[in-house]
Amino acid sequence: MTLKAFAYLDEENRAAKDAYDIWYTIVNFKDGPVSVKEELSKYKRNKDVADAFKVIRRVFNNETSSGTKDVVNILTARYGLDRALAVKEVMYPIRILKLH
């Protein structure tokens, strides 16, 4: 997730897939966001991990943030989800992770 966060931060090379990969990992790692939080708490003193969380907080901050919009666009295009449902699918695990 740290590498994906830094890749997504690079605006010149930014790919929506990086945001999707971050979100997908949060949703699917072991038991989901709670497991991600537990795992990454082991590295909370690592500067790279802390910086990556700042990036993730910023790009998934709300419904209009770049990461949220990119993942929503993928979910609606790839899986045909209704946009409002896709927003909920993206924001719910992020809120559980409590990155804020």
N, C-alpha and C. Protein backbone atom coordinates (compact mmCIF):
# COMPACT_ATOMS: atom_id res chain seq x y z
N MET A 1 0.82 -1.19 0.00
CA MET A 1 0.00 0.00 0.00
C MET A 1 0.87 1.25 0.00
N THR A 2 1.99 1.18 0.68
CA THR A 2 2.88 2.33 0.73
C THR A 2 3.37 2.68 -0.67
N LEU A 3 3.83 1.70 -1.41
CA LEU A 3 4.32 1.95 -2.76
C LEU A 3 3.21 2.45 -3.68
N LYS A 4 2.03 1.88 -3.56
CA LYS A 4 0.90 2.33 -4.38
C LYS A 4 0.52 3.76 -4.03
N ALA A 5 0.57 4.11 -2.76
CA ALA A 5 0.24 5.48 -2.34
C ALA A 5 1.22 6.47 -2.95
N PHE A 6 2.50 6.14 -2.93
CA PHE A 6 3.49 7.04 -3.51
C PHE A 6 3.35 7.11 -5.03
N ALA A 7 3.03 5.99 -5.66
CA ALA A 7 2.81 5.99 -7.11
C ALA A 7 1.62 6.87 -7.46
N TYR A 8 0.56 6.77 -6.68
CA TYR A 8 -0.64 7.57 -6.95
C TYR A 8 -0.39 9.05 -6.70
N LEU A 9 0.50 9.36 -5.80
CA LEU A 9 0.82 10.75 -5.49
C LEU A 9 1.52 11.45 -6.66
N ASP A 10 2.23 10.70 -7.47
CA ASP A 10 2.95 11.26 -8.62
C ASP A 10 1.95 11.63 -9.71
N GLU A 11 1.58 12.90 -9.76
CA GLU A 11 0.52 13.35 -10.67
C GLU A 11 0.85 13.11 -12.14
N GLU A 12 2.11 13.15 -12.51
CA GLU A 12 2.49 12.93 -13.91
C GLU A 12 2.26 11.49 -14.34
N ASN A 13 2.42 10.57 -13.43
CA ASN A 13 2.29 9.15 -13.75
C ASN A 13 1.11 8.50 -13.04
N ARG A 14 0.25 9.30 -12.46
CA ARG A 14 -0.88 8.79 -11.68
C ARG A 14 -1.77 7.90 -12.53
N ALA A 15 -2.15 6.78 -11.96
CA ALA A 15 -3.07 5.87 -12.64
C ALA A 15 -4.21 5.53 -11.68
N ALA A 16 -5.42 5.55 -12.21
CA ALA A 16 -6.58 5.21 -11.41
C ALA A 16 -6.43 3.82 -10.80
N LYS A 17 -5.72 2.94 -11.50
CA LYS A 17 -5.51 1.58 -11.01
C LYS A 17 -4.76 1.57 -9.68
N ASP A 18 -3.88 2.53 -9.45
CA ASP A 18 -3.18 2.60 -8.16
C ASP A 18 -4.17 2.87 -7.03
N ALA A 19 -5.09 3.78 -7.24
CA ALA A 19 -6.12 4.06 -6.23
C ALA A 19 -6.99 2.82 -6.01
N TYR A 20 -7.35 2.17 -7.11
CA TYR A 20 -8.15 0.95 -7.01
C TYR A 20 -7.40 -0.13 -6.23
N ASP A 21 -6.11 -0.29 -6.49
CA ASP A 21 -5.31 -1.30 -5.78
C ASP A 21 -5.24 -1.01 -4.28
N ILE A 22 -5.13 0.25 -3.91
CA ILE A 22 -5.13 0.63 -2.49
C ILE A 22 -6.46 0.23 -1.86
N TRP A 23 -7.55 0.65 -2.50
CA TRP A 23 -8.89 0.35 -1.99
C TRP A 23 -9.11 -1.16 -1.93
N TYR A 24 -8.75 -1.87 -2.98
CA TYR A 24 -8.94 -3.31 -3.06
C TYR A 24 -8.21 -4.03 -1.92
N THR A 25 -7.00 -3.58 -1.64
CA THR A 25 -6.22 -4.17 -0.55
C THR A 25 -6.90 -3.93 0.79
N ILE A 26 -7.38 -2.72 1.00
CA ILE A 26 -8.08 -2.40 2.26
C ILE A 26 -9.30 -3.29 2.43
N VAL A 27 -10.03 -3.52 1.36
CA VAL A 27 -11.26 -4.32 1.42
C VAL A 27 -10.96 -5.81 1.59
N ASN A 28 -9.92 -6.31 0.94
CA ASN A 28 -9.73 -7.75 0.83
C ASN A 28 -8.60 -8.36 1.66
N PHE A 29 -7.83 -7.56 2.35
CA PHE A 29 -6.75 -8.12 3.17
C PHE A 29 -7.34 -8.79 4.40
N LYS A 30 -7.10 -10.06 4.57
CA LYS A 30 -7.61 -10.85 5.70
C LYS A 30 -9.07 -10.51 5.99
N ASP A 31 -9.33 -9.83 7.13
CA ASP A 31 -10.70 -9.48 7.50
C ASP A 31 -11.06 -8.05 7.13
N GLY A 32 -10.37 -7.49 6.16
CA GLY A 32 -10.72 -6.15 5.68
C GLY A 32 -10.01 -5.04 6.42
N PRO A 33 -10.66 -3.88 6.49
CA PRO A 33 -10.02 -2.68 7.04
C PRO A 33 -9.46 -2.84 8.45
N VAL A 34 -10.13 -3.60 9.28
CA VAL A 34 -9.64 -3.80 10.66
C VAL A 34 -8.30 -4.52 10.63
N SER A 35 -8.19 -5.54 9.78
CA SER A 35 -6.92 -6.27 9.65
C SER A 35 -5.82 -5.39 9.08
N VAL A 36 -6.17 -4.54 8.13
CA VAL A 36 -5.19 -3.62 7.55
C VAL A 36 -4.67 -2.68 8.64
N LYS A 37 -5.59 -2.15 9.41
CA LYS A 37 -5.19 -1.23 10.48
C LYS A 37 -4.28 -1.92 11.49
N GLU A 38 -4.63 -3.14 11.87
CA GLU A 38 -3.80 -3.90 12.82
C GLU A 38 -2.41 -4.17 12.25
N GLU A 39 -2.37 -4.58 11.00
CA GLU A 39 -1.08 -4.89 10.37
C GLU A 39 -0.21 -3.65 10.25
N LEU A 40 -0.78 -2.57 9.78
CA LEU A 40 0.01 -1.36 9.56
C LEU A 40 0.37 -0.65 10.86
N SER A 41 -0.37 -0.91 11.93
CA SER A 41 -0.02 -0.29 13.21
C SER A 41 1.35 -0.78 13.69
N LYS A 42 1.77 -1.93 13.21
CA LYS A 42 3.09 -2.46 13.55
C LYS A 42 4.20 -1.55 13.02
N TYR A 43 3.87 -0.78 11.99
CA TYR A 43 4.87 0.05 11.31
C TYR A 43 4.60 1.54 11.48
N LYS A 44 3.83 1.91 12.49
CA LYS A 44 3.41 3.31 12.63
C LYS A 44 4.58 4.27 12.85
N ARG A 45 5.70 3.79 13.29
CA ARG A 45 6.86 4.66 13.49
C ARG A 45 7.73 4.78 12.24
N ASN A 46 7.40 4.02 11.23
CA ASN A 46 8.13 4.07 9.97
C ASN A 46 7.67 5.30 9.19
N LYS A 47 8.59 6.18 8.85
CA LYS A 47 8.26 7.43 8.18
C LYS A 47 7.56 7.19 6.84
N ASP A 48 8.01 6.21 6.06
CA ASP A 48 7.39 5.95 4.77
C ASP A 48 5.93 5.53 4.93
N VAL A 49 5.67 4.68 5.91
CA VAL A 49 4.29 4.24 6.16
C VAL A 49 3.44 5.43 6.61
N ALA A 50 3.97 6.25 7.50
CA ALA A 50 3.23 7.44 7.96
C ALA A 50 2.94 8.37 6.80
N ASP A 51 3.92 8.59 5.94
CA ASP A 51 3.72 9.46 4.77
C ASP A 51 2.69 8.87 3.81
N ALA A 52 2.73 7.56 3.64
CA ALA A 52 1.75 6.90 2.76
C ALA A 52 0.34 7.07 3.30
N PHE A 53 0.18 6.98 4.62
CA PHE A 53 -1.15 7.17 5.20
C PHE A 53 -1.65 8.60 4.99
N LYS A 54 -0.74 9.55 5.02
CA LYS A 54 -1.14 10.94 4.73
C LYS A 54 -1.68 11.05 3.31
N VAL A 55 -1.01 10.38 2.39
CA VAL A 55 -1.46 10.38 1.00
C VAL A 55 -2.83 9.73 0.90
N ILE A 56 -2.99 8.56 1.50
CA ILE A 56 -4.26 7.83 1.44
C ILE A 56 -5.37 8.65 2.07
N ARG A 57 -5.09 9.28 3.20
CA ARG A 57 -6.09 10.15 3.84
C ARG A 57 -6.54 11.25 2.88
N ARG A 58 -5.58 11.84 2.20
CA ARG A 58 -5.90 12.95 1.30
C ARG A 58 -6.68 12.49 0.08
N VAL A 59 -6.28 11.39 -0.54
CA VAL A 59 -6.91 10.99 -1.79
C VAL A 59 -8.23 10.24 -1.60
N PHE A 60 -8.50 9.79 -0.38
CA PHE A 60 -9.78 9.15 -0.06
C PHE A 60 -10.52 9.92 1.03
N ASN A 61 -10.27 11.20 1.14
CA ASN A 61 -10.83 12.02 2.21
C ASN A 61 -12.35 12.10 2.16
N ASN A 62 -12.90 12.20 0.98
CA ASN A 62 -14.36 12.34 0.83
C ASN A 62 -14.77 11.88 -0.56
N GLU A 63 -16.05 12.07 -0.87
CA GLU A 63 -16.60 11.59 -2.14
C GLU A 63 -16.01 12.28 -3.36
N THR A 64 -15.47 13.47 -3.18
CA THR A 64 -14.93 14.21 -4.33
C THR A 64 -13.40 14.13 -4.42
N SER A 65 -12.77 13.41 -3.52
CA SER A 65 -11.32 13.26 -3.55
C SER A 65 -10.91 12.41 -4.76
N SER A 66 -9.71 12.63 -5.25
CA SER A 66 -9.26 11.97 -6.48
C SER A 66 -9.28 10.45 -6.40
N GLY A 67 -8.80 9.89 -5.31
CA GLY A 67 -8.79 8.43 -5.18
C GLY A 67 -10.19 7.85 -5.16
N THR A 68 -11.06 8.49 -4.42
CA THR A 68 -12.46 8.04 -4.36
C THR A 68 -13.08 8.08 -5.75
N LYS A 69 -12.91 9.19 -6.45
CA LYS A 69 -13.50 9.33 -7.79
C LYS A 69 -12.93 8.29 -8.75
N ASP A 70 -11.62 8.07 -8.69
CA ASP A 70 -11.02 7.09 -9.60
C ASP A 70 -11.55 5.68 -9.35
N VAL A 71 -11.66 5.29 -8.09
CA VAL A 71 -12.18 3.95 -7.79
C VAL A 71 -13.65 3.85 -8.16
N VAL A 72 -14.42 4.87 -7.88
CA VAL A 72 -15.84 4.88 -8.25
C VAL A 72 -15.98 4.73 -9.77
N ASN A 73 -15.16 5.44 -10.51
CA ASN A 73 -15.23 5.33 -11.97
C ASN A 73 -14.93 3.91 -12.45
N ILE A 74 -13.96 3.27 -11.82
CA ILE A 74 -13.64 1.88 -12.18
C ILE A 74 -14.81 0.96 -11.83
N LEU A 75 -15.38 1.12 -10.63
CA LEU A 75 -16.48 0.25 -10.20
C LEU A 75 -17.71 0.41 -11.09
N THR A 76 -17.98 1.63 -11.51
CA THR A 76 -19.15 1.84 -12.37
C THR A 76 -18.90 1.32 -13.78
N ALA A 77 -17.70 1.53 -14.31
CA ALA A 77 -17.39 1.08 -15.67
C ALA A 77 -17.21 -0.44 -15.74
N ARG A 78 -16.45 -0.98 -14.80
CA ARG A 78 -16.10 -2.41 -14.87
C ARG A 78 -17.23 -3.31 -14.41
N TYR A 79 -17.93 -2.89 -13.35
CA TYR A 79 -18.94 -3.76 -12.75
C TYR A 79 -20.37 -3.25 -12.90
N GLY A 80 -20.53 -2.09 -13.52
CA GLY A 80 -21.86 -1.55 -13.76
C GLY A 80 -22.59 -1.09 -12.51
N LEU A 81 -21.85 -0.81 -11.44
CA LEU A 81 -22.49 -0.34 -10.21
C LEU A 81 -23.08 1.05 -10.42
N ASP A 82 -24.19 1.28 -9.77
CA ASP A 82 -24.77 2.62 -9.69
C ASP A 82 -23.76 3.52 -8.99
N ARG A 83 -23.63 4.75 -9.46
CA ARG A 83 -22.61 5.66 -8.92
C ARG A 83 -22.77 5.86 -7.40
N ALA A 84 -23.98 6.07 -6.92
CA ALA A 84 -24.19 6.29 -5.48
C ALA A 84 -23.77 5.05 -4.67
N LEU A 85 -24.09 3.88 -5.18
CA LEU A 85 -23.68 2.65 -4.51
C LEU A 85 -22.16 2.49 -4.55
N ALA A 86 -21.56 2.82 -5.67
CA ALA A 86 -20.10 2.72 -5.79
C ALA A 86 -19.41 3.65 -4.79
N VAL A 87 -19.94 4.84 -4.60
CA VAL A 87 -19.36 5.77 -3.62
C VAL A 87 -19.41 5.15 -2.23
N LYS A 88 -20.53 4.55 -1.88
CA LYS A 88 -20.65 3.90 -0.57
C LYS A 88 -19.68 2.74 -0.45
N GLU A 89 -19.53 1.97 -1.53
CA GLU A 89 -18.61 0.83 -1.52
C GLU A 89 -17.17 1.28 -1.30
N VAL A 90 -16.83 2.45 -1.79
CA VAL A 90 -15.47 2.97 -1.62
C VAL A 90 -15.29 3.58 -0.24
N MET A 91 -16.22 4.41 0.17
CA MET A 91 -16.06 5.17 1.41
C MET A 91 -16.22 4.33 2.68
N TYR A 92 -17.08 3.33 2.66
CA TYR A 92 -17.34 2.55 3.88
C TYR A 92 -16.06 1.91 4.44
N PRO A 93 -15.29 1.15 3.65
CA PRO A 93 -14.09 0.54 4.24
C PRO A 93 -13.04 1.58 4.64
N ILE A 94 -12.99 2.69 3.95
CA ILE A 94 -12.04 3.74 4.31
C ILE A 94 -12.41 4.30 5.68
N ARG A 95 -13.70 4.49 5.91
CA ARG A 95 -14.14 5.00 7.22
C ARG A 95 -13.88 4.00 8.34
N ILE A 96 -14.05 2.71 8.03
CA ILE A 96 -13.76 1.68 9.03
C ILE A 96 -12.28 1.70 9.39
N LEU A 97 -11.45 1.89 8.37
CA LEU A 97 -10.02 1.92 8.60
C LEU A 97 -9.63 3.10 9.49
N LYS A 98 -10.46 4.13 9.49
CA LYS A 98 -10.26 5.31 10.32
C LYS A 98 -8.89 5.93 10.11
N LEU A 99 -8.65 6.32 8.88
CA LEU A 99 -7.40 6.96 8.53
C LEU A 99 -7.37 8.42 8.94
N HIS A 100 -8.51 8.95 9.33
CA HIS A 100 -8.58 10.39 9.62
C HIS A 100 -8.19 10.69 11.03
